[in-house]
């Protein structure tokens, strides 16, 4: 079981030190915005994959403790927790700013309500980062992104892509991440769009490289 500590800062991908201060460097801000964007995409994908009848496994993801009624699927429980934390984040910021509370409920997985909540947080994110009291809410959402990515990638079947990685220059290491709609490399931290794959791999590749890659994947050269 994974527990998310909302008071534990998410490691900074840049050079800043956020401990005790509302300091967010450029990479931090980029990661925070990406977390909100990715969560909606990941939840949609996981909702489509959830069968609604699987029993809770020993490695189920959860936040907090205590006993609660369980749904037929651990994935459903997890997605409900994500939505609850998103709406709590929104409610905390509304209280901070003296805004009227939202009428949306704090549990459930309605796609429209989730999208509205995420859009609200994205719109106010620059101001949110200036208020130390909001850090714990943002850290929690950023950690949820990691949990959802881990779960989603464990369930998807990667689609192999022919060609040589433009970063590590190895063949037979590229694949499509169907959840995030990007091309990844198994050997290095490369991420690229389909357009970049076309330009940097296929158009610049020697035909023998593509043939070798396709043969290695059991595809006709």
N, C-alpha and C. Protein backbone atom coordinates (compact mmCIF):
# COMPACT_ATOMS: atom_id res chain seq x y z
N UNK A 1 0.84 -1.19 0.00
CA UNK A 1 0.00 0.00 0.00
C UNK A 1 0.88 1.24 0.00
N UNK A 2 0.58 2.20 -0.88
CA UNK A 2 1.35 3.43 -0.96
C UNK A 2 0.58 4.54 -0.27
N UNK A 3 1.25 5.24 0.62
CA UNK A 3 0.65 6.38 1.31
C UNK A 3 1.34 7.65 0.85
N UNK A 4 0.57 8.67 0.56
CA UNK A 4 1.11 9.93 0.08
C UNK A 4 1.15 10.93 1.23
N UNK A 5 2.34 11.37 1.57
CA UNK A 5 2.52 12.36 2.64
C UNK A 5 2.45 13.75 2.03
N UNK A 6 1.37 14.47 2.34
CA UNK A 6 1.18 15.79 1.74
C UNK A 6 2.17 16.82 2.25
N UNK A 7 2.85 16.54 3.35
CA UNK A 7 3.81 17.49 3.90
C UNK A 7 5.23 17.26 3.41
N UNK A 8 5.42 16.23 2.60
CA UNK A 8 6.76 15.93 2.08
C UNK A 8 6.92 16.57 0.71
N UNK A 9 7.90 17.49 0.55
CA UNK A 9 8.08 18.15 -0.74
C UNK A 9 8.43 17.15 -1.84
N UNK A 10 7.96 17.44 -3.05
CA UNK A 10 8.34 16.66 -4.21
C UNK A 10 9.75 17.09 -4.61
N UNK A 11 10.67 16.15 -4.86
CA UNK A 11 12.04 16.53 -5.24
C UNK A 11 12.05 17.48 -6.43
N UNK A 12 12.84 18.51 -6.31
CA UNK A 12 12.91 19.53 -7.37
C UNK A 12 13.74 19.01 -8.53
N UNK A 13 13.22 19.13 -9.77
CA UNK A 13 14.00 18.71 -10.93
C UNK A 13 15.04 19.75 -11.34
N UNK A 14 15.02 20.91 -10.68
CA UNK A 14 15.97 21.98 -10.98
C UNK A 14 16.98 22.18 -9.88
N UNK A 15 17.19 23.44 -9.49
CA UNK A 15 18.25 23.74 -8.52
C UNK A 15 17.74 24.48 -7.29
N UNK A 16 16.43 24.68 -7.16
CA UNK A 16 15.92 25.48 -6.05
C UNK A 16 15.78 24.65 -4.77
N UNK A 17 15.62 25.35 -3.67
CA UNK A 17 15.39 24.72 -2.38
C UNK A 17 14.09 25.27 -1.84
N UNK A 18 13.02 24.45 -1.83
CA UNK A 18 11.71 24.94 -1.44
C UNK A 18 11.43 24.77 0.04
N UNK A 19 12.36 24.17 0.77
CA UNK A 19 12.11 23.87 2.18
C UNK A 19 11.84 25.16 2.96
N UNK A 20 10.62 25.28 3.50
CA UNK A 20 10.28 26.40 4.35
C UNK A 20 10.03 27.70 3.63
N UNK A 21 10.03 27.69 2.31
CA UNK A 21 9.83 28.93 1.57
C UNK A 21 9.04 28.65 0.29
N UNK A 22 8.18 29.60 -0.11
CA UNK A 22 7.38 29.41 -1.31
C UNK A 22 8.19 29.68 -2.58
N UNK A 23 9.27 28.94 -2.76
CA UNK A 23 10.15 29.14 -3.90
C UNK A 23 9.96 28.01 -4.89
N UNK A 24 9.61 28.37 -6.11
CA UNK A 24 9.43 27.39 -7.16
C UNK A 24 10.25 27.85 -8.37
N UNK A 25 11.24 27.07 -8.74
CA UNK A 25 12.06 27.43 -9.89
C UNK A 25 11.32 27.05 -11.18
N UNK A 26 11.94 27.37 -12.33
CA UNK A 26 11.32 27.07 -13.61
C UNK A 26 10.96 25.61 -13.80
N UNK A 27 11.91 24.68 -13.58
CA UNK A 27 11.57 23.25 -13.71
C UNK A 27 10.46 22.80 -12.75
N UNK A 28 10.45 23.37 -11.52
CA UNK A 28 9.38 23.04 -10.56
C UNK A 28 8.02 23.43 -11.11
N UNK A 29 7.94 24.64 -11.64
CA UNK A 29 6.67 25.13 -12.17
C UNK A 29 6.22 24.29 -13.36
N UNK A 30 7.17 23.92 -14.20
CA UNK A 30 6.85 23.10 -15.36
C UNK A 30 6.32 21.74 -14.93
N UNK A 31 6.96 21.14 -13.89
CA UNK A 31 6.52 19.84 -13.39
C UNK A 31 5.14 19.93 -12.76
N UNK A 32 4.87 21.02 -12.04
CA UNK A 32 3.57 21.19 -11.39
C UNK A 32 2.45 21.29 -12.44
N UNK A 33 2.68 22.09 -13.48
CA UNK A 33 1.66 22.21 -14.53
C UNK A 33 1.49 20.89 -15.27
N UNK A 34 2.59 20.22 -15.53
CA UNK A 34 2.51 18.93 -16.22
C UNK A 34 1.73 17.92 -15.38
N UNK A 35 1.89 17.99 -14.06
CA UNK A 35 1.19 17.06 -13.18
C UNK A 35 -0.31 17.21 -13.30
N UNK A 36 -0.79 18.46 -13.31
CA UNK A 36 -2.22 18.69 -13.45
C UNK A 36 -2.72 18.24 -14.82
N UNK A 37 -1.94 18.52 -15.87
CA UNK A 37 -2.34 18.10 -17.21
C UNK A 37 -2.38 16.58 -17.33
N UNK A 38 -1.33 15.94 -16.82
CA UNK A 38 -1.21 14.49 -16.98
C UNK A 38 -2.24 13.72 -16.16
N UNK A 39 -2.61 14.25 -14.99
CA UNK A 39 -3.56 13.54 -14.14
C UNK A 39 -4.88 13.30 -14.87
N UNK A 40 -5.38 14.30 -15.56
CA UNK A 40 -6.65 14.13 -16.25
C UNK A 40 -6.53 13.05 -17.33
N UNK A 41 -5.44 13.08 -18.08
CA UNK A 41 -5.21 12.09 -19.15
C UNK A 41 -5.06 10.69 -18.56
N UNK A 42 -4.32 10.58 -17.47
CA UNK A 42 -4.10 9.27 -16.85
C UNK A 42 -5.40 8.70 -16.27
N UNK A 43 -6.18 9.56 -15.63
CA UNK A 43 -7.45 9.10 -15.05
C UNK A 43 -8.38 8.60 -16.14
N UNK A 44 -8.46 9.32 -17.26
CA UNK A 44 -9.32 8.89 -18.36
C UNK A 44 -8.89 7.51 -18.85
N UNK A 45 -7.57 7.31 -19.00
CA UNK A 45 -7.08 6.03 -19.49
C UNK A 45 -7.38 4.91 -18.50
N UNK A 46 -7.16 5.17 -17.22
CA UNK A 46 -7.39 4.16 -16.20
C UNK A 46 -8.87 3.84 -16.05
N UNK A 47 -9.73 4.84 -16.22
CA UNK A 47 -11.18 4.59 -16.17
C UNK A 47 -11.59 3.63 -17.28
N UNK A 48 -10.99 3.79 -18.44
CA UNK A 48 -11.33 2.93 -19.56
C UNK A 48 -10.85 1.50 -19.33
N UNK A 49 -9.73 1.36 -18.59
CA UNK A 49 -9.16 0.04 -18.35
C UNK A 49 -9.80 -0.67 -17.16
N UNK A 50 -10.36 0.10 -16.22
CA UNK A 50 -10.92 -0.51 -15.00
C UNK A 50 -12.11 -1.40 -15.35
N UNK A 51 -12.10 -2.64 -14.81
CA UNK A 51 -13.22 -3.54 -15.11
C UNK A 51 -14.34 -3.44 -14.09
N UNK A 52 -14.03 -2.83 -12.92
CA UNK A 52 -15.08 -2.64 -11.93
C UNK A 52 -15.38 -3.85 -11.08
N UNK A 53 -14.68 -4.96 -11.32
CA UNK A 53 -14.98 -6.17 -10.57
C UNK A 53 -13.76 -6.82 -9.94
N UNK A 54 -12.58 -6.25 -10.17
CA UNK A 54 -11.37 -6.86 -9.61
C UNK A 54 -11.33 -6.68 -8.10
N UNK A 55 -10.82 -7.68 -7.40
CA UNK A 55 -10.70 -7.58 -5.95
C UNK A 55 -9.47 -6.78 -5.59
N UNK A 56 -9.48 -6.18 -4.40
CA UNK A 56 -8.35 -5.37 -3.96
C UNK A 56 -7.13 -6.26 -3.75
N UNK A 57 -6.02 -5.89 -4.37
CA UNK A 57 -4.79 -6.66 -4.25
C UNK A 57 -3.96 -6.14 -3.09
N UNK A 58 -2.97 -6.93 -2.60
CA UNK A 58 -2.13 -6.49 -1.48
C UNK A 58 -1.36 -5.23 -1.80
N UNK A 59 -1.11 -4.95 -3.07
CA UNK A 59 -0.32 -3.78 -3.42
C UNK A 59 -1.16 -2.59 -3.82
N UNK A 60 -2.42 -2.56 -3.42
CA UNK A 60 -3.31 -1.47 -3.82
C UNK A 60 -2.78 -0.14 -3.33
N UNK A 61 -3.08 0.91 -4.10
CA UNK A 61 -2.66 2.24 -3.75
C UNK A 61 -3.71 2.90 -2.86
N UNK A 62 -3.29 3.65 -1.89
CA UNK A 62 -4.23 4.34 -1.01
C UNK A 62 -3.55 5.54 -0.38
N UNK A 63 -4.37 6.45 0.11
CA UNK A 63 -3.87 7.62 0.83
C UNK A 63 -4.52 7.64 2.19
N UNK A 64 -3.73 7.80 3.23
CA UNK A 64 -4.27 7.86 4.58
C UNK A 64 -4.54 6.48 5.13
N UNK A 65 -5.28 6.41 6.24
CA UNK A 65 -5.55 5.12 6.88
C UNK A 65 -6.99 5.03 7.30
N UNK A 66 -7.29 4.07 8.16
CA UNK A 66 -8.65 3.89 8.63
C UNK A 66 -9.43 2.95 7.76
N UNK A 67 -10.60 2.56 8.24
CA UNK A 67 -11.43 1.63 7.48
C UNK A 67 -12.46 2.40 6.69
N UNK A 68 -12.78 1.91 5.52
CA UNK A 68 -13.79 2.55 4.69
C UNK A 68 -14.40 1.50 3.79
N UNK A 69 -15.59 1.79 3.27
CA UNK A 69 -16.26 0.86 2.38
C UNK A 69 -15.49 0.73 1.08
N UNK A 70 -15.32 -0.47 0.60
CA UNK A 70 -14.54 -0.70 -0.60
C UNK A 70 -15.45 -0.86 -1.81
N UNK A 71 -15.01 -0.33 -2.94
CA UNK A 71 -15.74 -0.51 -4.18
C UNK A 71 -15.29 -1.81 -4.83
N UNK A 72 -15.98 -2.27 -5.88
CA UNK A 72 -15.60 -3.53 -6.50
C UNK A 72 -14.20 -3.52 -7.10
N UNK A 73 -13.63 -2.36 -7.41
CA UNK A 73 -12.33 -2.29 -8.06
C UNK A 73 -11.38 -1.38 -7.29
N UNK A 74 -10.13 -1.81 -7.06
CA UNK A 74 -9.16 -0.92 -6.40
C UNK A 74 -8.85 0.30 -7.25
N UNK A 75 -8.94 0.17 -8.57
CA UNK A 75 -8.69 1.32 -9.44
C UNK A 75 -9.75 2.39 -9.23
N UNK A 76 -11.00 1.97 -9.06
CA UNK A 76 -12.08 2.92 -8.80
C UNK A 76 -11.83 3.65 -7.49
N UNK A 77 -11.42 2.92 -6.46
CA UNK A 77 -11.10 3.55 -5.17
C UNK A 77 -10.01 4.60 -5.34
N UNK A 78 -8.98 4.25 -6.09
CA UNK A 78 -7.86 5.16 -6.29
C UNK A 78 -8.30 6.42 -7.02
N UNK A 79 -9.07 6.27 -8.09
CA UNK A 79 -9.50 7.43 -8.86
C UNK A 79 -10.44 8.32 -8.06
N UNK A 80 -11.26 7.73 -7.22
CA UNK A 80 -12.10 8.53 -6.33
C UNK A 80 -11.24 9.36 -5.38
N UNK A 81 -10.16 8.77 -4.87
CA UNK A 81 -9.26 9.49 -3.96
C UNK A 81 -8.57 10.65 -4.67
N UNK A 82 -8.18 10.43 -5.92
CA UNK A 82 -7.55 11.50 -6.69
C UNK A 82 -8.51 12.67 -6.86
N UNK A 83 -9.75 12.36 -7.25
CA UNK A 83 -10.73 13.43 -7.45
C UNK A 83 -11.02 14.16 -6.14
N UNK A 84 -11.10 13.42 -5.06
CA UNK A 84 -11.34 14.04 -3.75
C UNK A 84 -10.23 15.01 -3.40
N UNK A 85 -8.98 14.63 -3.64
CA UNK A 85 -7.85 15.51 -3.32
C UNK A 85 -7.81 16.73 -4.24
N UNK A 86 -8.20 16.56 -5.49
CA UNK A 86 -8.28 17.71 -6.40
C UNK A 86 -9.31 18.72 -5.91
N UNK A 87 -10.49 18.24 -5.51
CA UNK A 87 -11.53 19.17 -5.06
C UNK A 87 -11.18 19.79 -3.70
N UNK A 88 -10.46 19.05 -2.85
CA UNK A 88 -10.00 19.64 -1.59
C UNK A 88 -8.98 20.74 -1.84
N UNK A 89 -8.13 20.53 -2.83
CA UNK A 89 -7.15 21.54 -3.23
C UNK A 89 -7.88 22.80 -3.70
N UNK A 90 -8.87 22.61 -4.57
CA UNK A 90 -9.65 23.75 -5.06
C UNK A 90 -10.36 24.47 -3.91
N UNK A 91 -10.96 23.70 -3.00
CA UNK A 91 -11.69 24.30 -1.87
C UNK A 91 -10.74 25.09 -0.97
N UNK A 92 -9.53 24.58 -0.76
CA UNK A 92 -8.55 25.27 0.09
C UNK A 92 -8.16 26.61 -0.53
N UNK A 93 -7.97 26.63 -1.84
CA UNK A 93 -7.60 27.88 -2.50
C UNK A 93 -8.77 28.87 -2.50
N UNK A 94 -9.98 28.37 -2.66
CA UNK A 94 -11.15 29.25 -2.62
C UNK A 94 -11.28 29.90 -1.24
N UNK A 95 -11.03 29.11 -0.18
CA UNK A 95 -11.08 29.68 1.17
C UNK A 95 -9.97 30.72 1.36
N UNK A 96 -8.80 30.40 0.86
CA UNK A 96 -7.64 31.31 0.98
C UNK A 96 -7.93 32.66 0.34
N UNK A 97 -8.62 32.64 -0.79
CA UNK A 97 -8.89 33.86 -1.54
C UNK A 97 -10.24 34.50 -1.21
N UNK A 98 -11.04 33.83 -0.37
CA UNK A 98 -12.34 34.37 -0.03
C UNK A 98 -13.37 34.19 -1.12
N UNK A 99 -13.13 33.21 -2.02
CA UNK A 99 -14.10 32.93 -3.08
C UNK A 99 -15.28 32.13 -2.52
N UNK A 100 -16.37 32.15 -3.26
CA UNK A 100 -17.52 31.33 -2.89
C UNK A 100 -17.17 29.86 -3.09
N UNK A 101 -17.63 28.98 -2.21
CA UNK A 101 -17.35 27.55 -2.39
C UNK A 101 -18.06 27.00 -3.61
N UNK A 102 -17.47 25.99 -4.19
CA UNK A 102 -18.10 25.35 -5.35
C UNK A 102 -19.23 24.44 -4.90
N UNK A 103 -20.20 24.24 -5.76
CA UNK A 103 -21.31 23.33 -5.46
C UNK A 103 -20.99 21.90 -5.84
N UNK A 104 -19.84 21.71 -6.51
CA UNK A 104 -19.49 20.35 -6.92
C UNK A 104 -19.16 19.49 -5.72
N UNK A 105 -19.53 18.20 -5.79
CA UNK A 105 -19.28 17.29 -4.69
C UNK A 105 -17.80 16.92 -4.63
N UNK A 106 -17.36 16.38 -3.49
CA UNK A 106 -15.94 16.10 -3.29
C UNK A 106 -15.58 14.64 -3.56
N UNK A 107 -16.55 13.84 -3.94
CA UNK A 107 -16.24 12.44 -4.29
C UNK A 107 -16.93 12.11 -5.61
N UNK A 108 -16.37 11.19 -6.33
CA UNK A 108 -16.93 10.80 -7.61
C UNK A 108 -15.90 10.94 -8.71
N UNK A 109 -16.26 10.48 -9.91
CA UNK A 109 -15.31 10.50 -11.00
C UNK A 109 -15.92 11.10 -12.27
N UNK A 110 -16.78 12.09 -12.10
CA UNK A 110 -17.38 12.74 -13.26
C UNK A 110 -16.33 13.47 -14.06
N UNK A 111 -16.18 13.12 -15.33
CA UNK A 111 -15.11 13.70 -16.15
C UNK A 111 -15.24 15.21 -16.26
N UNK A 112 -16.48 15.71 -16.41
CA UNK A 112 -16.67 17.15 -16.55
C UNK A 112 -16.24 17.88 -15.29
N UNK A 113 -16.68 17.41 -14.12
CA UNK A 113 -16.32 18.06 -12.87
C UNK A 113 -14.81 18.04 -12.65
N UNK A 114 -14.19 16.91 -12.97
CA UNK A 114 -12.74 16.81 -12.81
C UNK A 114 -12.02 17.82 -13.72
N UNK A 115 -12.49 17.92 -14.96
CA UNK A 115 -11.87 18.85 -15.90
C UNK A 115 -12.03 20.30 -15.44
N UNK A 116 -13.21 20.63 -14.89
CA UNK A 116 -13.45 21.99 -14.39
C UNK A 116 -12.52 22.30 -13.21
N UNK A 117 -12.35 21.33 -12.31
CA UNK A 117 -11.48 21.53 -11.16
C UNK A 117 -10.04 21.74 -11.60
N UNK A 118 -9.56 20.90 -12.51
CA UNK A 118 -8.19 21.02 -12.99
C UNK A 118 -7.99 22.35 -13.72
N UNK A 119 -8.97 22.77 -14.52
CA UNK A 119 -8.87 24.05 -15.23
C UNK A 119 -8.78 25.21 -14.25
N UNK A 120 -9.56 25.14 -13.17
CA UNK A 120 -9.51 26.18 -12.14
C UNK A 120 -8.14 26.25 -11.49
N UNK A 121 -7.57 25.09 -11.15
CA UNK A 121 -6.26 25.06 -10.52
C UNK A 121 -5.16 25.53 -11.48
N UNK A 122 -5.26 25.14 -12.73
CA UNK A 122 -4.28 25.59 -13.72
C UNK A 122 -4.33 27.11 -13.88
N UNK A 123 -5.53 27.65 -13.93
CA UNK A 123 -5.69 29.10 -14.10
C UNK A 123 -5.08 29.87 -12.95
N UNK A 124 -5.16 29.31 -11.73
CA UNK A 124 -4.69 30.02 -10.54
C UNK A 124 -3.32 29.54 -10.06
N UNK A 125 -2.66 28.66 -10.82
CA UNK A 125 -1.45 28.01 -10.32
C UNK A 125 -0.33 28.98 -10.00
N UNK A 126 -0.14 30.00 -10.81
CA UNK A 126 0.93 30.97 -10.55
C UNK A 126 0.75 31.63 -9.19
N UNK A 127 -0.49 32.03 -8.87
CA UNK A 127 -0.77 32.65 -7.57
C UNK A 127 -0.69 31.62 -6.44
N UNK A 128 -1.14 30.40 -6.71
CA UNK A 128 -1.10 29.34 -5.70
C UNK A 128 0.32 29.11 -5.22
N UNK A 129 1.28 29.14 -6.14
CA UNK A 129 2.68 28.87 -5.80
C UNK A 129 3.30 29.94 -4.91
N UNK A 130 2.65 31.07 -4.78
CA UNK A 130 3.16 32.15 -3.93
C UNK A 130 2.70 32.02 -2.49
N UNK A 131 1.82 31.07 -2.21
CA UNK A 131 1.25 30.91 -0.86
C UNK A 131 1.77 29.62 -0.25
N UNK A 132 2.62 29.70 0.79
CA UNK A 132 3.21 28.48 1.38
C UNK A 132 2.18 27.46 1.85
N UNK A 133 1.02 27.93 2.34
CA UNK A 133 0.00 27.01 2.85
C UNK A 133 -0.55 26.09 1.76
N UNK A 134 -0.37 26.47 0.51
CA UNK A 134 -0.88 25.66 -0.60
C UNK A 134 0.11 24.60 -1.05
N UNK A 135 1.35 24.68 -0.59
CA UNK A 135 2.37 23.74 -1.06
C UNK A 135 1.96 22.28 -0.85
N UNK A 136 1.41 21.98 0.33
CA UNK A 136 1.09 20.58 0.64
C UNK A 136 0.06 20.01 -0.32
N UNK A 137 -0.89 20.86 -0.74
CA UNK A 137 -1.91 20.40 -1.67
C UNK A 137 -1.30 20.13 -3.04
N UNK A 138 -0.42 21.01 -3.48
CA UNK A 138 0.21 20.84 -4.79
C UNK A 138 1.15 19.65 -4.79
N UNK A 139 1.92 19.48 -3.71
CA UNK A 139 2.81 18.31 -3.61
C UNK A 139 2.02 17.01 -3.70
N UNK A 140 0.85 17.00 -3.05
CA UNK A 140 0.06 15.78 -3.05
C UNK A 140 -0.41 15.42 -4.45
N UNK A 141 -0.86 16.42 -5.22
CA UNK A 141 -1.30 16.19 -6.58
C UNK A 141 -0.13 15.74 -7.45
N UNK A 142 1.05 16.35 -7.24
CA UNK A 142 2.22 15.96 -8.01
C UNK A 142 2.62 14.51 -7.71
N UNK A 143 2.45 14.08 -6.48
CA UNK A 143 2.75 12.69 -6.14
C UNK A 143 1.70 11.73 -6.70
N UNK A 144 0.46 12.19 -6.76
CA UNK A 144 -0.58 11.36 -7.37
C UNK A 144 -0.23 11.08 -8.83
N UNK A 145 0.32 12.06 -9.50
CA UNK A 145 0.72 11.85 -10.90
C UNK A 145 1.67 10.66 -11.02
N UNK A 146 2.65 10.60 -10.10
CA UNK A 146 3.59 9.49 -10.13
C UNK A 146 2.93 8.15 -9.89
N UNK A 147 1.98 8.11 -8.94
CA UNK A 147 1.26 6.86 -8.64
C UNK A 147 0.44 6.41 -9.85
N UNK A 148 -0.27 7.36 -10.47
CA UNK A 148 -1.11 7.01 -11.61
C UNK A 148 -0.27 6.55 -12.80
N UNK A 149 0.87 7.22 -13.03
CA UNK A 149 1.74 6.80 -14.13
C UNK A 149 2.27 5.40 -13.90
N UNK A 150 2.64 5.10 -12.66
CA UNK A 150 3.15 3.76 -12.34
C UNK A 150 2.08 2.70 -12.60
N UNK A 151 0.87 2.99 -12.17
CA UNK A 151 -0.22 2.03 -12.35
C UNK A 151 -0.58 1.87 -13.82
N UNK A 152 -0.66 2.99 -14.53
CA UNK A 152 -1.06 2.93 -15.93
C UNK A 152 -0.03 2.22 -16.79
N UNK A 153 1.23 2.52 -16.55
CA UNK A 153 2.26 1.90 -17.36
C UNK A 153 2.41 0.41 -17.07
N UNK A 154 2.00 0.00 -15.88
CA UNK A 154 2.03 -1.43 -15.56
C UNK A 154 0.94 -2.18 -16.31
N UNK A 155 -0.09 -1.46 -16.77
CA UNK A 155 -1.23 -2.10 -17.42
C UNK A 155 -1.18 -2.03 -18.95
N UNK A 156 -0.45 -1.06 -19.49
CA UNK A 156 -0.47 -0.90 -20.94
C UNK A 156 0.52 -1.82 -21.64
N UNK A 157 0.21 -2.16 -22.87
CA UNK A 157 1.11 -2.93 -23.71
C UNK A 157 1.82 -1.95 -24.65
N UNK A 158 3.13 -1.74 -24.48
CA UNK A 158 3.84 -0.79 -25.33
C UNK A 158 3.89 -1.26 -26.78
N UNK A 159 3.83 -0.31 -27.69
CA UNK A 159 3.91 -0.59 -29.12
C UNK A 159 5.33 -0.29 -29.59
N UNK A 160 6.03 -1.32 -30.07
CA UNK A 160 7.41 -1.15 -30.50
C UNK A 160 7.47 -0.26 -31.75
N UNK A 161 8.52 0.60 -31.81
CA UNK A 161 8.71 1.47 -32.96
C UNK A 161 10.10 1.24 -33.57
N UNK A 162 10.18 1.11 -34.88
CA UNK A 162 11.47 0.88 -35.52
C UNK A 162 12.33 2.14 -35.55
N UNK A 163 13.64 1.95 -35.68
CA UNK A 163 14.55 3.09 -35.81
C UNK A 163 15.59 3.15 -34.72
N UNK A 164 16.51 4.10 -34.89
CA UNK A 164 17.60 4.31 -33.93
C UNK A 164 17.29 5.51 -33.04
N UNK A 165 17.47 5.35 -31.72
CA UNK A 165 17.24 6.47 -30.80
C UNK A 165 18.21 7.60 -31.12
N UNK A 166 17.73 8.83 -31.34
CA UNK A 166 18.62 9.94 -31.67
C UNK A 166 19.48 10.41 -30.50
N UNK A 167 19.18 9.92 -29.29
CA UNK A 167 19.98 10.35 -28.13
C UNK A 167 21.05 9.31 -27.78
N UNK A 168 20.65 8.07 -27.56
CA UNK A 168 21.63 7.04 -27.17
C UNK A 168 22.13 6.23 -28.36
N UNK A 169 21.49 6.43 -29.53
CA UNK A 169 21.92 5.83 -30.80
C UNK A 169 21.79 4.30 -30.83
N UNK A 170 20.96 3.73 -29.96
CA UNK A 170 20.73 2.29 -29.98
C UNK A 170 19.50 1.98 -30.84
N UNK A 171 19.48 0.77 -31.38
CA UNK A 171 18.37 0.31 -32.20
C UNK A 171 17.50 -0.63 -31.37
N UNK A 172 16.24 -0.71 -31.71
CA UNK A 172 15.27 -1.59 -31.02
C UNK A 172 15.00 -1.18 -29.57
N UNK A 173 15.03 0.10 -29.29
CA UNK A 173 14.76 0.58 -27.93
C UNK A 173 13.58 1.55 -27.89
N UNK A 174 13.02 1.93 -29.02
CA UNK A 174 11.93 2.91 -29.06
C UNK A 174 10.57 2.22 -28.98
N UNK A 175 9.63 2.86 -28.29
CA UNK A 175 8.27 2.34 -28.20
C UNK A 175 7.30 3.49 -27.99
N UNK A 176 6.03 3.23 -28.30
CA UNK A 176 4.99 4.25 -28.12
C UNK A 176 4.38 4.12 -26.73
N UNK A 177 4.35 5.23 -26.01
CA UNK A 177 3.61 5.31 -24.76
C UNK A 177 2.21 5.77 -25.12
N UNK A 178 1.27 4.84 -25.16
CA UNK A 178 -0.08 5.16 -25.64
C UNK A 178 -0.87 6.02 -24.67
N UNK A 179 -0.45 6.05 -23.42
CA UNK A 179 -1.16 6.85 -22.42
C UNK A 179 -0.84 8.33 -22.60
N UNK A 180 0.47 8.62 -22.73
CA UNK A 180 0.91 10.01 -22.82
C UNK A 180 1.04 10.49 -24.27
N UNK A 181 0.81 9.56 -25.22
CA UNK A 181 0.90 9.90 -26.65
C UNK A 181 2.27 10.43 -27.05
N UNK A 182 3.32 9.74 -26.57
CA UNK A 182 4.67 10.13 -26.94
C UNK A 182 5.49 8.87 -27.23
N UNK A 183 6.65 9.08 -27.86
CA UNK A 183 7.60 8.00 -28.13
C UNK A 183 8.67 8.04 -27.04
N UNK A 184 8.98 6.89 -26.44
CA UNK A 184 9.99 6.81 -25.40
C UNK A 184 11.10 5.84 -25.81
N UNK A 185 12.22 5.94 -25.08
CA UNK A 185 13.34 5.04 -25.28
C UNK A 185 13.56 4.23 -24.00
N UNK A 186 13.80 2.92 -24.15
CA UNK A 186 14.03 2.08 -22.98
C UNK A 186 15.44 2.25 -22.41
N UNK A 187 16.34 2.84 -23.19
CA UNK A 187 17.74 2.92 -22.78
C UNK A 187 18.14 4.28 -22.23
N UNK A 188 17.37 5.32 -22.54
CA UNK A 188 17.72 6.68 -22.09
C UNK A 188 16.43 7.46 -21.82
N UNK A 189 16.53 8.68 -21.26
CA UNK A 189 15.31 9.43 -20.88
C UNK A 189 14.63 10.15 -22.05
N UNK A 190 14.81 9.68 -23.27
CA UNK A 190 14.23 10.34 -24.43
C UNK A 190 12.71 10.31 -24.42
N UNK A 191 12.08 11.47 -24.67
CA UNK A 191 10.65 11.59 -24.95
C UNK A 191 10.52 12.39 -26.23
N UNK A 192 9.69 11.95 -27.16
CA UNK A 192 9.47 12.73 -28.38
C UNK A 192 8.06 12.52 -28.89
N UNK A 193 7.57 13.52 -29.61
CA UNK A 193 6.25 13.44 -30.20
C UNK A 193 6.32 12.62 -31.49
N UNK A 194 5.15 12.29 -32.04
CA UNK A 194 5.11 11.57 -33.31
C UNK A 194 5.79 12.38 -34.42
N UNK A 195 5.59 13.70 -34.39
CA UNK A 195 6.20 14.56 -35.40
C UNK A 195 7.72 14.54 -35.28
N UNK A 196 8.22 14.59 -34.03
CA UNK A 196 9.67 14.54 -33.83
C UNK A 196 10.23 13.19 -34.24
N UNK A 197 9.45 12.12 -34.00
CA UNK A 197 9.88 10.77 -34.40
C UNK A 197 10.02 10.70 -35.92
N UNK A 198 9.05 11.28 -36.61
CA UNK A 198 9.11 11.29 -38.08
C UNK A 198 10.35 12.04 -38.56
N UNK A 199 10.62 13.21 -37.96
CA UNK A 199 11.73 14.06 -38.41
C UNK A 199 13.09 13.53 -37.99
N UNK A 200 13.21 13.10 -36.73
CA UNK A 200 14.52 12.78 -36.17
C UNK A 200 14.92 11.32 -36.31
N UNK A 201 13.95 10.45 -36.55
CA UNK A 201 14.26 9.01 -36.64
C UNK A 201 14.03 8.49 -38.05
N UNK A 202 12.80 8.60 -38.53
CA UNK A 202 12.47 7.98 -39.81
C UNK A 202 13.10 8.69 -41.00
N UNK A 203 13.03 10.01 -41.04
CA UNK A 203 13.52 10.75 -42.20
C UNK A 203 15.04 10.80 -42.28
N UNK A 204 15.70 10.64 -41.14
CA UNK A 204 17.17 10.71 -41.15
C UNK A 204 17.81 9.32 -41.09
N UNK A 205 17.00 8.28 -40.99
CA UNK A 205 17.54 6.93 -40.80
C UNK A 205 17.99 6.32 -42.12
N UNK A 206 19.07 5.58 -42.04
CA UNK A 206 19.50 4.76 -43.16
C UNK A 206 18.51 3.61 -43.29
N UNK A 207 18.18 3.23 -44.51
CA UNK A 207 17.20 2.16 -44.71
C UNK A 207 17.63 0.86 -44.05
N UNK A 208 18.94 0.62 -43.96
CA UNK A 208 19.43 -0.61 -43.33
C UNK A 208 19.13 -0.62 -41.83
N UNK A 209 19.14 0.58 -41.20
CA UNK A 209 18.85 0.69 -39.77
C UNK A 209 17.40 0.32 -39.51
N UNK A 210 16.50 0.86 -40.33
CA UNK A 210 15.08 0.54 -40.18
C UNK A 210 14.84 -0.94 -40.42
N UNK A 211 15.49 -1.50 -41.43
CA UNK A 211 15.33 -2.92 -41.72
C UNK A 211 15.82 -3.77 -40.56
N UNK A 212 16.99 -3.40 -40.00
CA UNK A 212 17.53 -4.14 -38.85
C UNK A 212 16.60 -4.06 -37.65
N UNK A 213 16.06 -2.87 -37.42
CA UNK A 213 15.16 -2.67 -36.29
C UNK A 213 13.89 -3.49 -36.45
N UNK A 214 13.33 -3.49 -37.65
CA UNK A 214 12.10 -4.24 -37.89
C UNK A 214 12.33 -5.74 -37.76
N UNK A 215 13.47 -6.22 -38.25
CA UNK A 215 13.76 -7.65 -38.10
C UNK A 215 13.91 -8.04 -36.63
N UNK A 216 14.53 -7.14 -35.82
CA UNK A 216 14.70 -7.41 -34.40
C UNK A 216 13.38 -7.48 -33.66
N UNK A 217 12.34 -6.84 -34.21
CA UNK A 217 11.02 -6.85 -33.59
C UNK A 217 10.12 -7.91 -34.21
N UNK A 218 10.69 -8.71 -35.13
CA UNK A 218 9.90 -9.75 -35.76
C UNK A 218 8.97 -9.23 -36.82
N UNK A 219 9.27 -8.05 -37.36
CA UNK A 219 8.44 -7.45 -38.40
C UNK A 219 9.12 -7.62 -39.74
N UNK A 220 8.35 -7.61 -40.82
CA UNK A 220 8.97 -7.70 -42.15
C UNK A 220 9.80 -6.46 -42.45
N UNK A 221 10.99 -6.66 -42.95
CA UNK A 221 11.90 -5.55 -43.25
C UNK A 221 11.44 -4.79 -44.48
